[in-house]
C-alpha atoms as a PDB file:
ATOM      1  CA  MET A   1       0.000   0.000   0.000  1.00  0.00           C
ATOM      2  CA  HIS A   2       2.753   2.409   0.970  1.00  0.00           C
ATOM      3  CA  ASP A   3       4.589   1.968  -2.347  1.00  0.00           C
ATOM      4  CA  ALA A   4       1.423   2.484  -4.411  1.00  0.00           C
ATOM      5  CA  ILE A   5       0.557   5.672  -2.535  1.00  0.00           C
ATOM      6  CA  ALA A   6       4.146   6.921  -2.806  1.00  0.00           C
ATOM      7  CA  ALA A   7       4.146   6.313  -6.559  1.00  0.00           C
ATOM      8  CA  GLU A   8       0.783   8.030  -7.001  1.00  0.00           C
ATOM      9  CA  THR A   9       1.893  11.114  -5.095  1.00  0.00           C
ATOM     10  CA  ARG A  10       4.739  11.356  -7.607  1.00  0.00           C
ATOM     11  CA  GLY A  11       2.344  11.117 -10.554  1.00  0.00           C
ATOM     12  CA  ILE A  12       3.014   7.452 -11.324  1.00  0.00           C
ATOM     13  CA  PRO A  13      -0.177   5.398 -11.681  1.00  0.00           C
ATOM     14  CA  ALA A  14      -0.084   2.448  -9.302  1.00  0.00           C
ATOM     15  CA  VAL A  15      -2.390  -0.119  -7.752  1.00  0.00           C
ATOM     16  CA  ALA A  16      -1.904  -1.829  -4.419  1.00  0.00           C
ATOM     17  CA  ILE A  17      -2.775  -5.526  -4.578  1.00  0.00           C
ATOM     18  CA  MET A  18      -3.019  -7.748  -1.519  1.00  0.00           C
ATOM     19  CA  THR A  19      -4.932 -10.694  -0.209  1.00  0.00           C
ATOM     20  CA  ASP A  20      -8.132 -10.159   1.723  1.00  0.00           C
ATOM     21  CA  ARG A  21      -6.402 -11.156   4.944  1.00  0.00           C
ATOM     22  CA  PHE A  22      -4.636  -7.789   4.855  1.00  0.00           C
ATOM     23  CA  GLU A  23      -7.667  -5.602   4.114  1.00  0.00           C
ATOM     24  CA  GLN A  24      -7.724  -3.898   7.523  1.00  0.00           C
ATOM     25  CA  SER A  25      -3.972  -3.276   7.408  1.00  0.00           C
ATOM     26  CA  ALA A  26      -4.290  -1.744   3.942  1.00  0.00           C
ATOM     27  CA  LYS A  27      -7.092   0.558   5.091  1.00  0.00           C
ATOM     28  CA  ALA A  28      -5.056   1.605   8.117  1.00  0.00           C
ATOM     29  CA  MET A  29      -1.985   2.300   5.971  1.00  0.00           C
ATOM     30  CA  ALA A  30      -4.064   4.413   3.576  1.00  0.00           C
ATOM     31  CA  ALA A  31      -5.524   6.378   6.491  1.00  0.00           C
ATOM     32  CA  VAL A  32      -2.068   6.947   8.016  1.00  0.00           C
ATOM     33  CA  ASN A  33      -0.948   8.307   4.653  1.00  0.00           C
ATOM     34  CA  GLY A  34      -3.862  10.742   4.577  1.00  0.00           C
ATOM     35  CA  ILE A  35      -5.932   8.934   1.936  1.00  0.00           C
ATOM     36  CA  PRO A  36      -8.449   6.835   3.885  1.00  0.00           C
ATOM     37  CA  ASP A  37     -10.502   6.029   0.789  1.00  0.00           C
ATOM     38  CA  TYR A  38      -7.539   4.972  -1.378  1.00  0.00           C
ATOM     39  CA  PRO A  39      -8.783   2.089  -3.544  1.00  0.00           C
ATOM     40  CA  PHE A  40      -6.926  -1.194  -3.790  1.00  0.00           C
ATOM     41  CA  VAL A  41      -7.427  -4.684  -5.191  1.00  0.00           C
ATOM     42  CA  MET A  42      -7.811  -7.743  -3.036  1.00  0.00           C
ATOM     43  CA  LEU A  43      -7.176 -11.333  -3.968  1.00  0.00           C
ATOM     44  CA  GLN A  44      -8.570 -14.248  -2.032  1.00  0.00           C
ATOM     45  CA  HIS A  45      -6.173 -15.437   0.672  1.00  0.00           C
ATOM     46  CA  PRO A  46      -4.080 -17.539   0.720  1.00  0.00           C
ATOM     47  CA  ILE A  47      -1.956 -17.569  -2.413  1.00  0.00           C
ATOM     48  CA  ALA A  48       1.294 -19.156  -1.202  1.00  0.00           C
ATOM     49  CA  ASN A  49       0.264 -22.727  -1.938  1.00  0.00           C
ATOM     50  CA  ASP A  50      -1.954 -22.048  -4.950  1.00  0.00           C
ATOM     51  CA  SER A  51      -1.305 -23.910  -8.148  1.00  0.00           C
ATOM     52  CA  ASP A  52      -0.391 -21.966 -11.273  1.00  0.00           C
ATOM     53  CA  ALA A  53      -3.966 -22.448 -12.481  1.00  0.00           C
ATOM     54  CA  ASP A  54      -5.404 -21.087  -9.217  1.00  0.00           C
ATOM     55  CA  LEU A  55      -3.100 -18.070  -9.326  1.00  0.00           C
ATOM     56  CA  ALA A  56      -4.008 -17.428 -12.947  1.00  0.00           C
ATOM     57  CA  ALA A  57      -7.708 -17.565 -12.070  1.00  0.00           C
ATOM     58  CA  LYS A  58      -7.229 -15.060  -9.231  1.00  0.00           C
ATOM     59  CA  ALA A  59      -5.266 -12.740 -11.504  1.00  0.00           C
ATOM     60  CA  GLU A  60      -7.866 -13.051 -14.247  1.00  0.00           C
ATOM     61  CA  ALA A  61     -10.601 -12.141 -11.785  1.00  0.00           C
ATOM     62  CA  ALA A  62      -8.681  -9.038 -10.652  1.00  0.00           C
ATOM     63  CA  VAL A  63      -7.341  -7.685 -13.936  1.00  0.00           C
ATOM     64  CA  ASP A  64     -10.379  -5.591 -14.880  1.00  0.00           C
ATOM     65  CA  ARG A  65     -10.347  -3.853 -11.491  1.00  0.00           C
ATOM     66  CA  ILE A  66      -6.591  -3.251 -11.751  1.00  0.00           C
ATOM     67  CA  VAL A  67      -6.923  -1.708 -15.204  1.00  0.00           C
ATOM     68  CA  ALA A  68      -9.841   0.432 -14.040  1.00  0.00           C
ATOM     69  CA  LEU A  69      -7.813   1.784 -11.131  1.00  0.00           C
ATOM     70  CA  LEU A  70      -4.747   2.443 -13.273  1.00  0.00           C
ATOM     71  CA  THR A  71      -6.729   4.415 -15.821  1.00  0.00           C
ATOM     72  CA  ARG A  72      -9.289   6.174 -13.608  1.00  0.00           C
ATOM     73  CA  ARG A  73      -7.474   9.159 -12.293  1.00  0.00           C
ATOM     74  CA  GLU A  74      -5.605  12.263 -13.226  1.00  0.00           C
ATOM     75  CA  GLY A  75      -3.373  13.354 -10.385  1.00  0.00           C
ATOM     76  CA  ALA A  76      -5.338  11.445  -7.777  1.00  0.00           C
ATOM     77  CA  ALA A  77      -3.818  10.642  -4.411  1.00  0.00           C
END
């Protein structure tokens, strides 16, 4: 989350991606950085032991949201 917000404040489009287990931490990090409503993408936890097919399915499910966030804003954050 921190890296995505840091990139965005420098004008570099970025998207934070994490598993749902870290949702509350991501929201807290966004709030600490002064952007409590900063959007991010969540994947279903866990991913460490997922097969390549499972990881591909999770990525496929998230790609539209990632693209939407990368292309949604002009100077946001």
